[in-house]
């Protein structure tokens, strides 16, 4: 990279850090379309891809003071978009399982108010999972996929006891976050 280009990128980052919208727009214009394409490669939904990228840019604006370099922003953007896509895919899987369960285990009449309430509980659960510390979140998501402690330990290259501890910590934190609703979640 040329010195002038590096200096320009550093200047843009400094401007973003102090909240200059024009500098932020440069970052947005440079990365928006590539990030939408990147998101689309995961979720195959153009509207959802755009929503995910916009959410990431909103988050980066709120954390702009933490961005120390151009490469830091680029890495943060791509990592955040990937993680949001994976979360969306996971949410979709659970939603499909839920719909399948409702369709196959309930009477012909389904109270839409009950369904909406259950969907809200699931949304709160997923929000609580996303707020978990990274290791706890990874362990808990594998647990939700039906993996046992040994399988989780092998996948994440940690001990079985560590997997068990992270799972217990995640359940405790989710229970604290959801309060009385956690009873329904862990049934």
C-alpha atoms as a PDB file:
ATOM      1  CA  UNK A   1       0.000   0.000   0.000  1.00  0.00           C
ATOM      2  CA  UNK A   2       1.285   3.415  -0.882  1.00  0.00           C
ATOM      3  CA  UNK A   3       2.072   5.903   1.876  1.00  0.00           C
ATOM      4  CA  UNK A   4      -0.526   8.339   0.567  1.00  0.00           C
ATOM      5  CA  UNK A   5      -3.250   5.654   0.528  1.00  0.00           C
ATOM      6  CA  UNK A   6      -2.345   4.553   4.080  1.00  0.00           C
ATOM      7  CA  UNK A   7      -2.382   8.135   5.301  1.00  0.00           C
ATOM      8  CA  UNK A   8      -5.786   8.698   3.664  1.00  0.00           C
ATOM      9  CA  UNK A   9      -7.220   5.578   5.328  1.00  0.00           C
ATOM     10  CA  UNK A  10      -5.818   6.644   8.698  1.00  0.00           C
ATOM     11  CA  UNK A  11      -7.377  10.082   8.204  1.00  0.00           C
ATOM     12  CA  UNK A  12     -10.771   8.520   7.421  1.00  0.00           C
ATOM     13  CA  UNK A  13     -10.561   6.387  10.582  1.00  0.00           C
ATOM     14  CA  UNK A  14      -9.678   9.412  12.697  1.00  0.00           C
ATOM     15  CA  UNK A  15     -12.646  11.263  11.227  1.00  0.00           C
ATOM     16  CA  UNK A  16     -14.962   8.306  11.869  1.00  0.00           C
ATOM     17  CA  UNK A  17     -13.714   8.133  15.470  1.00  0.00           C
ATOM     18  CA  UNK A  18     -14.717  11.737  16.124  1.00  0.00           C
ATOM     19  CA  UNK A  19     -18.108  11.216  14.488  1.00  0.00           C
ATOM     20  CA  UNK A  20     -17.712  12.834  11.083  1.00  0.00           C
ATOM     21  CA  UNK A  21     -20.611  11.526   9.015  1.00  0.00           C
ATOM     22  CA  UNK A  22     -18.854  12.226   5.723  1.00  0.00           C
ATOM     23  CA  UNK A  23     -15.974   9.914   6.700  1.00  0.00           C
ATOM     24  CA  UNK A  24     -18.424   7.265   7.889  1.00  0.00           C
ATOM     25  CA  UNK A  25     -20.245   7.535   4.562  1.00  0.00           C
ATOM     26  CA  UNK A  26     -16.955   6.779   2.779  1.00  0.00           C
ATOM     27  CA  UNK A  27     -16.638   3.572   4.778  1.00  0.00           C
ATOM     28  CA  UNK A  28     -20.315   2.773   4.148  1.00  0.00           C
ATOM     29  CA  UNK A  29     -20.031   3.401   0.387  1.00  0.00           C
ATOM     30  CA  UNK A  30     -16.889   1.293   0.112  1.00  0.00           C
ATOM     31  CA  UNK A  31     -18.171  -1.759   2.004  1.00  0.00           C
ATOM     32  CA  UNK A  32     -21.966  -1.779   1.751  1.00  0.00           C
ATOM     33  CA  UNK A  33     -22.422  -3.687  -1.526  1.00  0.00           C
ATOM     34  CA  UNK A  34     -19.583  -6.181  -0.946  1.00  0.00           C
ATOM     35  CA  UNK A  35     -21.007  -6.903   2.513  1.00  0.00           C
ATOM     36  CA  UNK A  36     -24.521  -7.396   1.129  1.00  0.00           C
ATOM     37  CA  UNK A  37     -23.117  -9.879  -1.392  1.00  0.00           C
ATOM     38  CA  UNK A  38     -21.160 -11.567   1.387  1.00  0.00           C
ATOM     39  CA  UNK A  39     -24.308 -11.864   3.534  1.00  0.00           C
ATOM     40  CA  UNK A  40     -26.297 -13.149   0.566  1.00  0.00           C
ATOM     41  CA  UNK A  41     -23.767 -15.950   0.083  1.00  0.00           C
ATOM     42  CA  UNK A  42     -24.899 -17.242   3.489  1.00  0.00           C
ATOM     43  CA  UNK A  43     -28.621 -16.589   3.670  1.00  0.00           C
ATOM     44  CA  UNK A  44     -29.803 -16.298   0.040  1.00  0.00           C
ATOM     45  CA  UNK A  45     -32.259 -13.513   0.850  1.00  0.00           C
ATOM     46  CA  UNK A  46     -31.467 -10.076  -0.550  1.00  0.00           C
ATOM     47  CA  UNK A  47     -33.724  -8.116   1.823  1.00  0.00           C
ATOM     48  CA  UNK A  48     -32.423  -9.935   4.874  1.00  0.00           C
ATOM     49  CA  UNK A  49     -28.846  -9.433   3.622  1.00  0.00           C
ATOM     50  CA  UNK A  50     -29.411  -5.687   3.373  1.00  0.00           C
ATOM     51  CA  UNK A  51     -31.004  -5.595   6.841  1.00  0.00           C
ATOM     52  CA  UNK A  52     -28.072  -7.453   8.361  1.00  0.00           C
ATOM     53  CA  UNK A  53     -25.515  -5.131   6.787  1.00  0.00           C
ATOM     54  CA  UNK A  54     -27.462  -2.051   7.864  1.00  0.00           C
ATOM     55  CA  UNK A  55     -27.619  -3.397  11.431  1.00  0.00           C
ATOM     56  CA  UNK A  56     -23.856  -3.924  11.407  1.00  0.00           C
ATOM     57  CA  UNK A  57     -23.246  -0.380  10.166  1.00  0.00           C
ATOM     58  CA  UNK A  58     -25.549   0.971  12.853  1.00  0.00           C
ATOM     59  CA  UNK A  59     -23.584  -0.939  15.455  1.00  0.00           C
ATOM     60  CA  UNK A  60     -20.250   0.235  14.069  1.00  0.00           C
ATOM     61  CA  UNK A  61     -21.467   3.850  14.259  1.00  0.00           C
ATOM     62  CA  UNK A  62     -22.203   3.393  17.954  1.00  0.00           C
ATOM     63  CA  UNK A  63     -18.774   1.804  18.487  1.00  0.00           C
ATOM     64  CA  UNK A  64     -16.882   4.146  16.177  1.00  0.00           C
ATOM     65  CA  UNK A  65     -14.550   5.388  18.901  1.00  0.00           C
ATOM     66  CA  UNK A  66     -13.239   1.842  19.373  1.00  0.00           C
ATOM     67  CA  UNK A  67     -12.093   1.511  15.763  1.00  0.00           C
ATOM     68  CA  UNK A  68      -8.352   1.965  15.677  1.00  0.00           C
ATOM     69  CA  UNK A  69      -7.491   1.171  12.068  1.00  0.00           C
ATOM     70  CA  UNK A  70      -8.941   0.674   8.633  1.00  0.00           C
ATOM     71  CA  UNK A  71      -8.146  -3.044   8.785  1.00  0.00           C
ATOM     72  CA  UNK A  72      -9.847  -3.212  12.178  1.00  0.00           C
ATOM     73  CA  UNK A  73     -13.068  -1.802  10.696  1.00  0.00           C
ATOM     74  CA  UNK A  74     -12.907  -4.101   7.683  1.00  0.00           C
ATOM     75  CA  UNK A  75     -12.375  -7.170   9.869  1.00  0.00           C
ATOM     76  CA  UNK A  76     -15.114  -6.080  12.265  1.00  0.00           C
ATOM     77  CA  UNK A  77     -17.583  -5.548   9.409  1.00  0.00           C
ATOM     78  CA  UNK A  78     -17.031  -8.918   7.754  1.00  0.00           C
ATOM     79  CA  UNK A  79     -16.936 -10.825  11.044  1.00  0.00           C
ATOM     80  CA  UNK A  80     -20.105  -9.123  12.291  1.00  0.00           C
ATOM     81  CA  UNK A  81     -21.968  -9.781   9.055  1.00  0.00           C
ATOM     82  CA  UNK A  82     -20.910 -13.436   9.065  1.00  0.00           C
ATOM     83  CA  UNK A  83     -21.980 -13.882  12.696  1.00  0.00           C
ATOM     84  CA  UNK A  84     -25.336 -12.201  12.119  1.00  0.00           C
ATOM     85  CA  UNK A  85     -25.923 -14.448   9.089  1.00  0.00           C
ATOM     86  CA  UNK A  86     -25.097 -17.565  11.086  1.00  0.00           C
ATOM     87  CA  UNK A  87     -27.396 -16.405  13.874  1.00  0.00           C
ATOM     88  CA  UNK A  88     -30.171 -15.808  11.364  1.00  0.00           C
ATOM     89  CA  UNK A  89     -29.688 -19.287   9.900  1.00  0.00           C
ATOM     90  CA  UNK A  90     -29.772 -20.794  13.397  1.00  0.00           C
ATOM     91  CA  UNK A  91     -32.892 -18.790  14.230  1.00  0.00           C
ATOM     92  CA  UNK A  92     -34.521 -20.012  11.019  1.00  0.00           C
ATOM     93  CA  UNK A  93     -33.744 -23.642  11.914  1.00  0.00           C
ATOM     94  CA  UNK A  94     -35.306 -23.295  15.350  1.00  0.00           C
ATOM     95  CA  UNK A  95     -38.279 -21.502  13.862  1.00  0.00           C
ATOM     96  CA  UNK A  96     -38.770 -24.365  11.363  1.00  0.00           C
ATOM     97  CA  UNK A  97     -38.537 -26.923  14.187  1.00  0.00           C
ATOM     98  CA  UNK A  98     -41.038 -24.923  16.186  1.00  0.00           C
ATOM     99  CA  UNK A  99     -43.479 -24.700  13.275  1.00  0.00           C
ATOM    100  CA  UNK A 100     -43.094 -28.417  12.624  1.00  0.00           C
ATOM    101  CA  UNK A 101     -43.712 -29.129  16.304  1.00  0.00           C
ATOM    102  CA  UNK A 102     -46.803 -26.895  16.407  1.00  0.00           C
ATOM    103  CA  UNK A 103     -48.199 -28.412  13.230  1.00  0.00           C
ATOM    104  CA  UNK A 104     -47.655 -31.993  14.357  1.00  0.00           C
ATOM    105  CA  UNK A 105     -48.391 -31.755  18.075  1.00  0.00           C
ATOM    106  CA  UNK A 106     -51.356 -29.470  18.389  1.00  0.00           C
ATOM    107  CA  UNK A 107     -55.025 -29.556  17.631  1.00  0.00           C
ATOM    108  CA  UNK A 108     -56.411 -28.264  14.367  1.00  0.00           C
ATOM    109  CA  UNK A 109     -57.176 -24.926  16.012  1.00  0.00           C
ATOM    110  CA  UNK A 110     -54.147 -22.865  16.981  1.00  0.00           C
ATOM    111  CA  UNK A 111     -54.666 -19.671  18.923  1.00  0.00           C
ATOM    112  CA  UNK A 112     -52.635 -17.028  17.067  1.00  0.00           C
ATOM    113  CA  UNK A 113     -52.166 -15.090  20.288  1.00  0.00           C
ATOM    114  CA  UNK A 114     -50.472 -18.135  21.859  1.00  0.00           C
ATOM    115  CA  UNK A 115     -48.265 -18.567  18.801  1.00  0.00           C
ATOM    116  CA  UNK A 116     -47.272 -14.895  18.896  1.00  0.00           C
ATOM    117  CA  UNK A 117     -46.469 -15.165  22.591  1.00  0.00           C
ATOM    118  CA  UNK A 118     -44.329 -18.261  22.004  1.00  0.00           C
ATOM    119  CA  UNK A 119     -42.530 -16.531  19.153  1.00  0.00           C
ATOM    120  CA  UNK A 120     -41.787 -13.593  21.454  1.00  0.00           C
ATOM    121  CA  UNK A 121     -40.383 -15.988  24.076  1.00  0.00           C
ATOM    122  CA  UNK A 122     -38.133 -17.532  21.423  1.00  0.00           C
ATOM    123  CA  UNK A 123     -36.999 -14.072  20.325  1.00  0.00           C
ATOM    124  CA  UNK A 124     -36.148 -13.185  23.922  1.00  0.00           C
ATOM    125  CA  UNK A 125     -34.274 -16.476  24.222  1.00  0.00           C
ATOM    126  CA  UNK A 126     -32.217 -15.776  21.100  1.00  0.00           C
ATOM    127  CA  UNK A 127     -31.465 -12.257  22.274  1.00  0.00           C
ATOM    128  CA  UNK A 128     -30.309 -13.668  25.616  1.00  0.00           C
ATOM    129  CA  UNK A 129     -28.124 -16.228  23.839  1.00  0.00           C
ATOM    130  CA  UNK A 130     -26.518 -13.508  21.727  1.00  0.00           C
ATOM    131  CA  UNK A 131     -25.621 -11.576  24.881  1.00  0.00           C
ATOM    132  CA  UNK A 132     -23.721 -14.543  26.353  1.00  0.00           C
ATOM    133  CA  UNK A 133     -19.919 -14.442  26.478  1.00  0.00           C
ATOM    134  CA  UNK A 134     -18.417 -15.906  23.307  1.00  0.00           C
ATOM    135  CA  UNK A 135     -17.401 -19.349  24.671  1.00  0.00           C
ATOM    136  CA  UNK A 136     -20.680 -19.798  26.568  1.00  0.00           C
ATOM    137  CA  UNK A 137     -22.634 -18.837  23.451  1.00  0.00           C
ATOM    138  CA  UNK A 138     -20.749 -21.339  21.270  1.00  0.00           C
ATOM    139  CA  UNK A 139     -21.198 -24.135  23.811  1.00  0.00           C
ATOM    140  CA  UNK A 140     -24.886 -23.358  24.325  1.00  0.00           C
ATOM    141  CA  UNK A 141     -25.631 -23.240  20.592  1.00  0.00           C
ATOM    142  CA  UNK A 142     -24.002 -26.638  20.155  1.00  0.00           C
ATOM    143  CA  UNK A 143     -26.086 -27.851  23.101  1.00  0.00           C
ATOM    144  CA  UNK A 144     -29.224 -26.590  21.345  1.00  0.00           C
ATOM    145  CA  UNK A 145     -28.189 -28.598  18.295  1.00  0.00           C
ATOM    146  CA  UNK A 146     -28.384 -31.697  20.490  1.00  0.00           C
ATOM    147  CA  UNK A 147     -24.659 -32.165  21.079  1.00  0.00           C
ATOM    148  CA  UNK A 148     -23.573 -33.691  24.392  1.00  0.00           C
ATOM    149  CA  UNK A 149     -20.679 -32.397  26.504  1.00  0.00           C
ATOM    150  CA  UNK A 150     -18.164 -34.803  24.929  1.00  0.00           C
ATOM    151  CA  UNK A 151     -19.133 -33.761  21.393  1.00  0.00           C
ATOM    152  CA  UNK A 152     -19.041 -30.078  22.316  1.00  0.00           C
ATOM    153  CA  UNK A 153     -15.618 -30.515  23.926  1.00  0.00           C
ATOM    154  CA  UNK A 154     -14.284 -32.239  20.819  1.00  0.00           C
ATOM    155  CA  UNK A 155     -15.668 -29.630  18.402  1.00  0.00           C
ATOM    156  CA  UNK A 156     -14.402 -26.649  20.412  1.00  0.00           C
ATOM    157  CA  UNK A 157     -11.191 -28.394  21.507  1.00  0.00           C
ATOM    158  CA  UNK A 158     -11.879 -27.889  25.200  1.00  0.00           C
ATOM    159  CA  UNK A 159     -12.276 -30.330  28.071  1.00  0.00           C
ATOM    160  CA  UNK A 160     -15.608 -32.011  28.770  1.00  0.00           C
ATOM    161  CA  UNK A 161     -15.711 -30.305  32.162  1.00  0.00           C
ATOM    162  CA  UNK A 162     -15.151 -26.888  30.551  1.00  0.00           C
ATOM    163  CA  UNK A 163     -17.997 -27.585  28.112  1.00  0.00           C
ATOM    164  CA  UNK A 164     -20.251 -28.574  31.010  1.00  0.00           C
ATOM    165  CA  UNK A 165     -19.262 -25.473  33.003  1.00  0.00           C
ATOM    166  CA  UNK A 166     -19.922 -23.122  30.059  1.00  0.00           C
ATOM    167  CA  UNK A 167     -23.289 -24.779  29.446  1.00  0.00           C
ATOM    168  CA  UNK A 168     -24.299 -24.385  33.104  1.00  0.00           C
ATOM    169  CA  UNK A 169     -23.112 -20.761  33.116  1.00  0.00           C
ATOM    170  CA  UNK A 170     -25.094 -20.066  29.930  1.00  0.00           C
ATOM    171  CA  UNK A 171     -28.254 -21.588  31.409  1.00  0.00           C
ATOM    172  CA  UNK A 172     -27.804 -19.556  34.593  1.00  0.00           C
ATOM    173  CA  UNK A 173     -27.283 -16.305  32.652  1.00  0.00           C
ATOM    174  CA  UNK A 174     -30.285 -16.999  30.399  1.00  0.00           C
ATOM    175  CA  UNK A 175     -32.406 -17.802  33.451  1.00  0.00           C
ATOM    176  CA  UNK A 176     -31.358 -14.512  35.050  1.00  0.00           C
ATOM    177  CA  UNK A 177     -32.109 -12.629  31.834  1.00  0.00           C
ATOM    178  CA  UNK A 178     -35.498 -14.219  31.142  1.00  0.00           C
ATOM    179  CA  UNK A 179     -36.718 -14.487  34.743  1.00  0.00           C
ATOM    180  CA  UNK A 180     -39.969 -16.445  34.975  1.00  0.00           C
ATOM    181  CA  UNK A 181     -40.003 -17.106  31.230  1.00  0.00           C
ATOM    182  CA  UNK A 182     -36.959 -19.372  31.588  1.00  0.00           C
ATOM    183  CA  UNK A 183     -39.255 -22.038  33.046  1.00  0.00           C
ATOM    184  CA  UNK A 184     -40.925 -22.406  29.642  1.00  0.00           C
ATOM    185  CA  UNK A 185     -37.630 -22.311  27.761  1.00  0.00           C
ATOM    186  CA  UNK A 186     -35.969 -25.143  29.673  1.00  0.00           C
ATOM    187  CA  UNK A 187     -38.985 -27.477  29.734  1.00  0.00           C
END
